[in-house]
């Protein structure tokens, strides 16, 4: 997902997305040089159907006041 504020943490993402199924990992990507969030992150679900359900419900929704964009990525 994109358009996250700097206030959003891994735990925050996991809490929000776990409403739609079992989350195995939630990560806010950090800028390695300065160790601050870059505004996007990844959430991994146990089941692909739960990831799709989260995308349908959260794309265009708000987290910490920002409208977020949620897209699915498939991992080989």
PDB file of N, CA and C in Angstrom:
ATOM      1  N   UNK A   1       0.836  -1.163   0.000  1.00  0.00           N
ATOM      2  CA  UNK A   1       0.000   0.000   0.000  1.00  0.00           C
ATOM      3  C   UNK A   1       0.881   1.225   0.000  1.00  0.00           C
ATOM      4  N   UNK A   2       0.321   2.306  -0.493  1.00  0.00           N
ATOM      5  CA  UNK A   2       1.072   3.549  -0.586  1.00  0.00           C
ATOM      6  C   UNK A   2       0.308   4.676   0.101  1.00  0.00           C
ATOM      7  N   UNK A   3       1.010   5.792   0.253  1.00  0.00           N
ATOM      8  CA  UNK A   3       0.475   7.027   0.831  1.00  0.00           C
ATOM      9  C   UNK A   3       0.315   6.942   2.346  1.00  0.00           C
ATOM     10  N   UNK A   4       1.184   6.193   2.998  1.00  0.00           N
ATOM     11  CA  UNK A   4       1.153   6.098   4.458  1.00  0.00           C
ATOM     12  C   UNK A   4       1.861   7.300   5.076  1.00  0.00           C
ATOM     13  N   UNK A   5       1.360   7.763   6.222  1.00  0.00           N
ATOM     14  CA  UNK A   5       2.053   8.824   6.942  1.00  0.00           C
ATOM     15  C   UNK A   5       3.225   8.229   7.710  1.00  0.00           C
ATOM     16  N   UNK A   6       4.082   9.080   8.227  1.00  0.00           N
ATOM     17  CA  UNK A   6       5.232   8.626   9.003  1.00  0.00           C
ATOM     18  C   UNK A   6       4.844   8.076  10.366  1.00  0.00           C
ATOM     19  N   UNK A   7       3.594   8.267  10.763  1.00  0.00           N
ATOM     20  CA  UNK A   7       3.127   7.770  12.061  1.00  0.00           C
ATOM     21  C   UNK A   7       2.759   6.292  12.031  1.00  0.00           C
ATOM     22  N   UNK A   8       2.546   5.728  10.862  1.00  0.00           N
ATOM     23  CA  UNK A   8       2.074   4.346  10.736  1.00  0.00           C
ATOM     24  C   UNK A   8       3.237   3.386  10.994  1.00  0.00           C
ATOM     25  N   UNK A   9       2.967   2.371  11.821  1.00  0.00           N
ATOM     26  CA  UNK A   9       3.985   1.382  12.172  1.00  0.00           C
ATOM     27  C   UNK A   9       3.588  -0.004  11.651  1.00  0.00           C
ATOM     28  N   UNK A  10       4.527  -0.942  11.750  1.00  0.00           N
ATOM     29  CA  UNK A  10       4.239  -2.330  11.376  1.00  0.00           C
ATOM     30  C   UNK A  10       3.056  -2.864  12.178  1.00  0.00           C
ATOM     31  N   UNK A  11       3.064  -2.610  13.473  1.00  0.00           N
ATOM     32  CA  UNK A  11       1.993  -3.104  14.347  1.00  0.00           C
ATOM     33  C   UNK A  11       0.647  -2.498  13.956  1.00  0.00           C
ATOM     34  N   UNK A  12       0.655  -1.225  13.586  1.00  0.00           N
ATOM     35  CA  UNK A  12      -0.569  -0.545  13.174  1.00  0.00           C
ATOM     36  C   UNK A  12      -1.139  -1.232  11.924  1.00  0.00           C
ATOM     37  N   UNK A  13      -0.282  -1.485  10.928  1.00  0.00           N
ATOM     38  CA  UNK A  13      -0.740  -2.164   9.707  1.00  0.00           C
ATOM     39  C   UNK A  13      -1.298  -3.545  10.013  1.00  0.00           C
ATOM     40  N   UNK A  14      -0.586  -4.291  10.852  1.00  0.00           N
ATOM     41  CA  UNK A  14      -1.041  -5.645  11.173  1.00  0.00           C
ATOM     42  C   UNK A  14      -2.411  -5.609  11.843  1.00  0.00           C
ATOM     43  N   UNK A  15      -2.605  -4.686  12.754  1.00  0.00           N
ATOM     44  CA  UNK A  15      -3.898  -4.572  13.448  1.00  0.00           C
ATOM     45  C   UNK A  15      -5.027  -4.256  12.471  1.00  0.00           C
ATOM     46  N   UNK A  16      -4.798  -3.318  11.571  1.00  0.00           N
ATOM     47  CA  UNK A  16      -5.838  -2.913  10.619  1.00  0.00           C
ATOM     48  C   UNK A  16      -6.146  -4.035   9.632  1.00  0.00           C
ATOM     49  N   UNK A  17      -5.117  -4.614   9.039  1.00  0.00           N
ATOM     50  CA  UNK A  17      -5.329  -5.609   7.989  1.00  0.00           C
ATOM     51  C   UNK A  17      -5.774  -6.961   8.532  1.00  0.00           C
ATOM     52  N   UNK A  18      -5.474  -7.271   9.788  1.00  0.00           N
ATOM     53  CA  UNK A  18      -5.879  -8.571  10.339  1.00  0.00           C
ATOM     54  C   UNK A  18      -7.389  -8.683  10.494  1.00  0.00           C
ATOM     55  N   UNK A  19      -8.104  -7.590  10.329  1.00  0.00           N
ATOM     56  CA  UNK A  19      -9.569  -7.630  10.318  1.00  0.00           C
ATOM     57  C   UNK A  19     -10.066  -8.534   9.182  1.00  0.00           C
ATOM     58  N   UNK A  20      -9.266  -8.680   8.143  1.00  0.00           N
ATOM     59  CA  UNK A  20      -9.690  -9.409   6.942  1.00  0.00           C
ATOM     60  C   UNK A  20      -9.097 -10.811   6.837  1.00  0.00           C
ATOM     61  N   UNK A  21      -8.257 -11.199   7.780  1.00  0.00           N
ATOM     62  CA  UNK A  21      -7.679 -12.536   7.756  1.00  0.00           C
ATOM     63  C   UNK A  21      -6.352 -12.563   8.499  1.00  0.00           C
ATOM     64  N   UNK A  22      -5.752 -13.750   8.532  1.00  0.00           N
ATOM     65  CA  UNK A  22      -4.497 -13.941   9.261  1.00  0.00           C
ATOM     66  C   UNK A  22      -3.335 -13.284   8.511  1.00  0.00           C
ATOM     67  N   UNK A  23      -2.700 -12.328   9.164  1.00  0.00           N
ATOM     68  CA  UNK A  23      -1.554 -11.620   8.594  1.00  0.00           C
ATOM     69  C   UNK A  23      -0.282 -12.307   9.084  1.00  0.00           C
ATOM     70  N   UNK A  24       0.590 -12.679   8.138  1.00  0.00           N
ATOM     71  CA  UNK A  24       1.852 -13.315   8.514  1.00  0.00           C
ATOM     72  C   UNK A  24       2.977 -12.303   8.686  1.00  0.00           C
ATOM     73  N   UNK A  25       2.863 -11.149   8.003  1.00  0.00           N
ATOM     74  CA  UNK A  25       3.872 -10.105   8.145  1.00  0.00           C
ATOM     75  C   UNK A  25       3.297  -8.766   7.693  1.00  0.00           C
ATOM     76  N   UNK A  26       3.656  -7.714   8.405  1.00  0.00           N
ATOM     77  CA  UNK A  26       3.281  -6.355   8.025  1.00  0.00           C
ATOM     78  C   UNK A  26       4.531  -5.492   8.190  1.00  0.00           C
ATOM     79  N   UNK A  27       4.900  -4.784   7.133  1.00  0.00           N
ATOM     80  CA  UNK A  27       6.152  -4.031   7.137  1.00  0.00           C
ATOM     81  C   UNK A  27       5.957  -2.653   6.522  1.00  0.00           C
ATOM     82  N   UNK A  28       6.341  -1.625   7.260  1.00  0.00           N
ATOM     83  CA  UNK A  28       6.432  -0.275   6.727  1.00  0.00           C
ATOM     84  C   UNK A  28       7.877  -0.117   6.258  1.00  0.00           C
ATOM     85  N   UNK A  29       8.081   0.260   5.004  1.00  0.00           N
ATOM     86  CA  UNK A  29       9.423   0.369   4.441  1.00  0.00           C
ATOM     87  C   UNK A  29      10.088   1.654   4.938  1.00  0.00           C
ATOM     88  N   UNK A  30      11.323   1.498   5.437  1.00  0.00           N
ATOM     89  CA  UNK A  30      12.085   2.626   5.964  1.00  0.00           C
ATOM     90  C   UNK A  30      13.155   3.080   4.983  1.00  0.00           C
ATOM     91  N   UNK A  31      13.420   4.362   4.976  1.00  0.00           N
ATOM     92  CA  UNK A  31      14.567   4.906   4.257  1.00  0.00           C
ATOM     93  C   UNK A  31      15.791   4.515   5.085  1.00  0.00           C
ATOM     94  N   UNK A  32      16.671   3.703   4.531  1.00  0.00           N
ATOM     95  CA  UNK A  32      17.792   3.170   5.296  1.00  0.00           C
ATOM     96  C   UNK A  32      18.791   4.238   5.727  1.00  0.00           C
ATOM     97  N   UNK A  33      18.896   5.327   4.988  1.00  0.00           N
ATOM     98  CA  UNK A  33      19.854   6.372   5.332  1.00  0.00           C
ATOM     99  C   UNK A  33      19.443   7.141   6.584  1.00  0.00           C
ATOM    100  N   UNK A  34      18.154   7.421   6.722  1.00  0.00           N
ATOM    101  CA  UNK A  34      17.688   8.243   7.846  1.00  0.00           C
ATOM    102  C   UNK A  34      16.730   7.517   8.778  1.00  0.00           C
ATOM    103  N   UNK A  35      16.384   6.283   8.452  1.00  0.00           N
ATOM    104  CA  UNK A  35      15.531   5.425   9.296  1.00  0.00           C
ATOM    105  C   UNK A  35      14.143   5.999   9.566  1.00  0.00           C
ATOM    106  N   UNK A  36      13.551   6.632   8.553  1.00  0.00           N
ATOM    107  CA  UNK A  36      12.171   7.096   8.669  1.00  0.00           C
ATOM    108  C   UNK A  36      11.335   6.422   7.580  1.00  0.00           C
ATOM    109  N   UNK A  37      10.030   6.254   7.814  1.00  0.00           N
ATOM    110  CA  UNK A  37       9.170   5.595   6.829  1.00  0.00           C
ATOM    111  C   UNK A  37       9.164   6.320   5.480  1.00  0.00           C
ATOM    112  N   UNK A  38       9.126   5.518   4.412  1.00  0.00           N
ATOM    113  CA  UNK A  38       9.128   6.056   3.053  1.00  0.00           C
ATOM    114  C   UNK A  38       7.722   6.259   2.498  1.00  0.00           C
ATOM    115  N   UNK A  39       6.688   5.911   3.252  1.00  0.00           N
ATOM    116  CA  UNK A  39       5.325   6.169   2.811  1.00  0.00           C
ATOM    117  C   UNK A  39       4.623   4.984   2.184  1.00  0.00           C
ATOM    118  N   UNK A  40       5.256   3.816   2.226  1.00  0.00           N
ATOM    119  CA  UNK A  40       4.583   2.626   1.702  1.00  0.00           C
ATOM    120  C   UNK A  40       4.971   1.412   2.530  1.00  0.00           C
ATOM    121  N   UNK A  41       4.204   0.335   2.365  1.00  0.00           N
ATOM    122  CA  UNK A  41       4.470  -0.875   3.115  1.00  0.00           C
ATOM    123  C   UNK A  41       3.856  -2.093   2.454  1.00  0.00           C
ATOM    124  N   UNK A  42       4.079  -3.225   3.082  1.00  0.00           N
ATOM    125  CA  UNK A  42       3.604  -4.511   2.574  1.00  0.00           C
ATOM    126  C   UNK A  42       2.923  -5.277   3.698  1.00  0.00           C
ATOM    127  N   UNK A  43       1.868  -5.987   3.342  1.00  0.00           N
ATOM    128  CA  UNK A  43       1.184  -6.867   4.281  1.00  0.00           C
ATOM    129  C   UNK A  43       1.042  -8.213   3.597  1.00  0.00           C
ATOM    130  N   UNK A  44       1.463  -9.272   4.287  1.00  0.00           N
ATOM    131  CA  UNK A  44       1.334 -10.626   3.752  1.00  0.00           C
ATOM    132  C   UNK A  44       0.263 -11.377   4.541  1.00  0.00           C
ATOM    133  N   UNK A  45      -0.601 -12.059   3.802  1.00  0.00           N
ATOM    134  CA  UNK A  45      -1.673 -12.853   4.393  1.00  0.00           C
ATOM    135  C   UNK A  45      -1.388 -14.338   4.202  1.00  0.00           C
ATOM    136  N   UNK A  46      -1.942 -15.155   5.086  1.00  0.00           N
ATOM    137  CA  UNK A  46      -1.850 -16.601   4.927  1.00  0.00           C
ATOM    138  C   UNK A  46      -2.611 -17.059   3.687  1.00  0.00           C
ATOM    139  N   UNK A  47      -3.753 -16.421   3.419  1.00  0.00           N
ATOM    140  CA  UNK A  47      -4.594 -16.838   2.291  1.00  0.00           C
ATOM    141  C   UNK A  47      -4.756 -15.700   1.293  1.00  0.00           C
ATOM    142  N   UNK A  48      -4.564 -15.978   0.001  1.00  0.00           N
ATOM    143  CA  UNK A  48      -4.744 -14.954  -1.030  1.00  0.00           C
ATOM    144  C   UNK A  48      -6.151 -14.339  -1.030  1.00  0.00           C
ATOM    145  N   UNK A  49      -7.159 -15.124  -0.706  1.00  0.00           N
ATOM    146  CA  UNK A  49      -8.527 -14.601  -0.692  1.00  0.00           C
ATOM    147  C   UNK A  49      -8.687 -13.503   0.361  1.00  0.00           C
ATOM    148  N   UNK A  50      -7.982 -13.624   1.477  1.00  0.00           N
ATOM    149  CA  UNK A  50      -8.041 -12.595   2.516  1.00  0.00           C
ATOM    150  C   UNK A  50      -7.355 -11.313   2.053  1.00  0.00           C
ATOM    151  N   UNK A  51      -6.274 -11.454   1.301  1.00  0.00           N
ATOM    152  CA  UNK A  51      -5.586 -10.284   0.748  1.00  0.00           C
ATOM    153  C   UNK A  51      -6.512  -9.538  -0.210  1.00  0.00           C
ATOM    154  N   UNK A  52      -7.231 -10.269  -1.037  1.00  0.00           N
ATOM    155  CA  UNK A  52      -8.172  -9.640  -1.974  1.00  0.00           C
ATOM    156  C   UNK A  52      -9.296  -8.936  -1.219  1.00  0.00           C
ATOM    157  N   UNK A  53      -9.781  -9.563  -0.164  1.00  0.00           N
ATOM    158  CA  UNK A  53     -10.842  -8.962   0.642  1.00  0.00           C
ATOM    159  C   UNK A  53     -10.349  -7.645   1.267  1.00  0.00           C
ATOM    160  N   UNK A  54      -9.128  -7.642   1.773  1.00  0.00           N
ATOM    161  CA  UNK A  54      -8.550  -6.423   2.355  1.00  0.00           C
ATOM    162  C   UNK A  54      -8.410  -5.336   1.296  1.00  0.00           C
ATOM    163  N   UNK A  55      -7.948  -5.709   0.118  1.00  0.00           N
ATOM    164  CA  UNK A  55      -7.802  -4.726  -0.963  1.00  0.00           C
ATOM    165  C   UNK A  55      -9.145  -4.097  -1.308  1.00  0.00           C
ATOM    166  N   UNK A  56     -10.174  -4.923  -1.444  1.00  0.00           N
ATOM    167  CA  UNK A  56     -11.499  -4.420  -1.797  1.00  0.00           C
ATOM    168  C   UNK A  56     -12.038  -3.435  -0.756  1.00  0.00           C
ATOM    169  N   UNK A  57     -11.773  -3.697   0.509  1.00  0.00           N
ATOM    170  CA  UNK A  57     -12.310  -2.858   1.571  1.00  0.00           C
ATOM    171  C   UNK A  57     -11.440  -1.653   1.910  1.00  0.00           C
ATOM    172  N   UNK A  58     -10.125  -1.754   1.740  1.00  0.00           N
ATOM    173  CA  UNK A  58      -9.236  -0.695   2.217  1.00  0.00           C
ATOM    174  C   UNK A  58      -8.715   0.237   1.128  1.00  0.00           C
ATOM    175  N   UNK A  59      -8.712  -0.185  -0.132  1.00  0.00           N
ATOM    176  CA  UNK A  59      -8.247   0.700  -1.204  1.00  0.00           C
ATOM    177  C   UNK A  59      -9.148   1.931  -1.247  1.00  0.00           C
ATOM    178  N   UNK A  60      -8.543   3.102  -1.132  1.00  0.00           N
ATOM    179  CA  UNK A  60      -9.316   4.333  -1.089  1.00  0.00           C
ATOM    180  C   UNK A  60      -9.775   4.716   0.310  1.00  0.00           C
ATOM    181  N   UNK A  61      -9.472   3.856   1.287  1.00  0.00           N
ATOM    182  CA  UNK A  61      -9.813   4.171   2.673  1.00  0.00           C
ATOM    183  C   UNK A  61      -8.744   5.058   3.301  1.00  0.00           C
ATOM    184  N   UNK A  62      -8.887   5.336   4.565  1.00  0.00           N
ATOM    185  CA  UNK A  62      -7.943   6.212   5.243  1.00  0.00           C
ATOM    186  C   UNK A  62      -7.248   5.520   6.397  1.00  0.00           C
ATOM    187  N   UNK A  63      -5.953   5.811   6.502  1.00  0.00           N
ATOM    188  CA  UNK A  63      -5.160   5.422   7.664  1.00  0.00           C
ATOM    189  C   UNK A  63      -4.432   6.682   8.109  1.00  0.00           C
ATOM    190  N   UNK A  64      -4.618   7.052   9.345  1.00  0.00           N
ATOM    191  CA  UNK A  64      -3.969   8.235   9.927  1.00  0.00           C
ATOM    192  C   UNK A  64      -4.226   9.489   9.096  1.00  0.00           C
ATOM    193  N   UNK A  65      -5.430   9.590   8.546  1.00  0.00           N
ATOM    194  CA  UNK A  65      -5.831  10.786   7.821  1.00  0.00           C
ATOM    195  C   UNK A  65      -5.474  10.825   6.348  1.00  0.00           C
ATOM    196  N   UNK A  66      -4.667   9.882   5.870  1.00  0.00           N
ATOM    197  CA  UNK A  66      -4.315   9.827   4.448  1.00  0.00           C
ATOM    198  C   UNK A  66      -5.146   8.770   3.737  1.00  0.00           C
ATOM    199  N   UNK A  67      -5.603   9.097   2.532  1.00  0.00           N
ATOM    200  CA  UNK A  67      -6.272   8.101   1.693  1.00  0.00           C
ATOM    201  C   UNK A  67      -5.198   7.199   1.112  1.00  0.00           C
ATOM    202  N   UNK A  68      -5.334   5.892   1.345  1.00  0.00           N
ATOM    203  CA  UNK A  68      -4.307   4.954   0.903  1.00  0.00           C
ATOM    204  C   UNK A  68      -4.707   4.238  -0.379  1.00  0.00           C
ATOM    205  N   UNK A  69      -3.703   3.722  -1.053  1.00  0.00           N
ATOM    206  CA  UNK A  69      -3.906   2.896  -2.235  1.00  0.00           C
ATOM    207  C   UNK A  69      -3.391   1.512  -1.906  1.00  0.00           C
ATOM    208  N   UNK A  70      -4.197   0.497  -2.187  1.00  0.00           N
ATOM    209  CA  UNK A  70      -3.835  -0.886  -1.892  1.00  0.00           C
ATOM    210  C   UNK A  70      -3.838  -1.680  -3.188  1.00  0.00           C
ATOM    211  N   UNK A  71      -2.754  -2.374  -3.451  1.00  0.00           N
ATOM    212  CA  UNK A  71      -2.643  -3.220  -4.644  1.00  0.00           C
ATOM    213  C   UNK A  71      -2.141  -4.594  -4.207  1.00  0.00           C
ATOM    214  N   UNK A  72      -2.470  -5.605  -4.993  1.00  0.00           N
ATOM    215  CA  UNK A  72      -2.014  -6.953  -4.712  1.00  0.00           C
ATOM    216  C   UNK A  72      -0.721  -7.236  -5.477  1.00  0.00           C
ATOM    217  N   UNK A  73       0.203  -7.882  -4.793  1.00  0.00           N
ATOM    218  CA  UNK A  73       1.427  -8.366  -5.425  1.00  0.00           C
ATOM    219  C   UNK A  73       1.453  -9.868  -5.232  1.00  0.00           C
ATOM    220  N   UNK A  74       1.810 -10.595  -6.255  1.00  0.00           N
ATOM    221  CA  UNK A  74       1.933 -12.036  -6.092  1.00  0.00           C
ATOM    222  C   UNK A  74       3.414 -12.402  -5.996  1.00  0.00           C
ATOM    223  N   UNK A  75       3.706 -13.270  -5.063  1.00  0.00           N
ATOM    224  CA  UNK A  75       5.066 -13.707  -4.844  1.00  0.00           C
ATOM    225  C   UNK A  75       5.199 -15.116  -5.398  1.00  0.00           C
ATOM    226  N   UNK A  76       6.160 -15.324  -6.287  1.00  0.00           N
ATOM    227  CA  UNK A  76       6.302 -16.670  -6.889  1.00  0.00           C
ATOM    228  C   UNK A  76       6.710 -17.717  -5.891  1.00  0.00           C
TER     229      UNK A  76
END
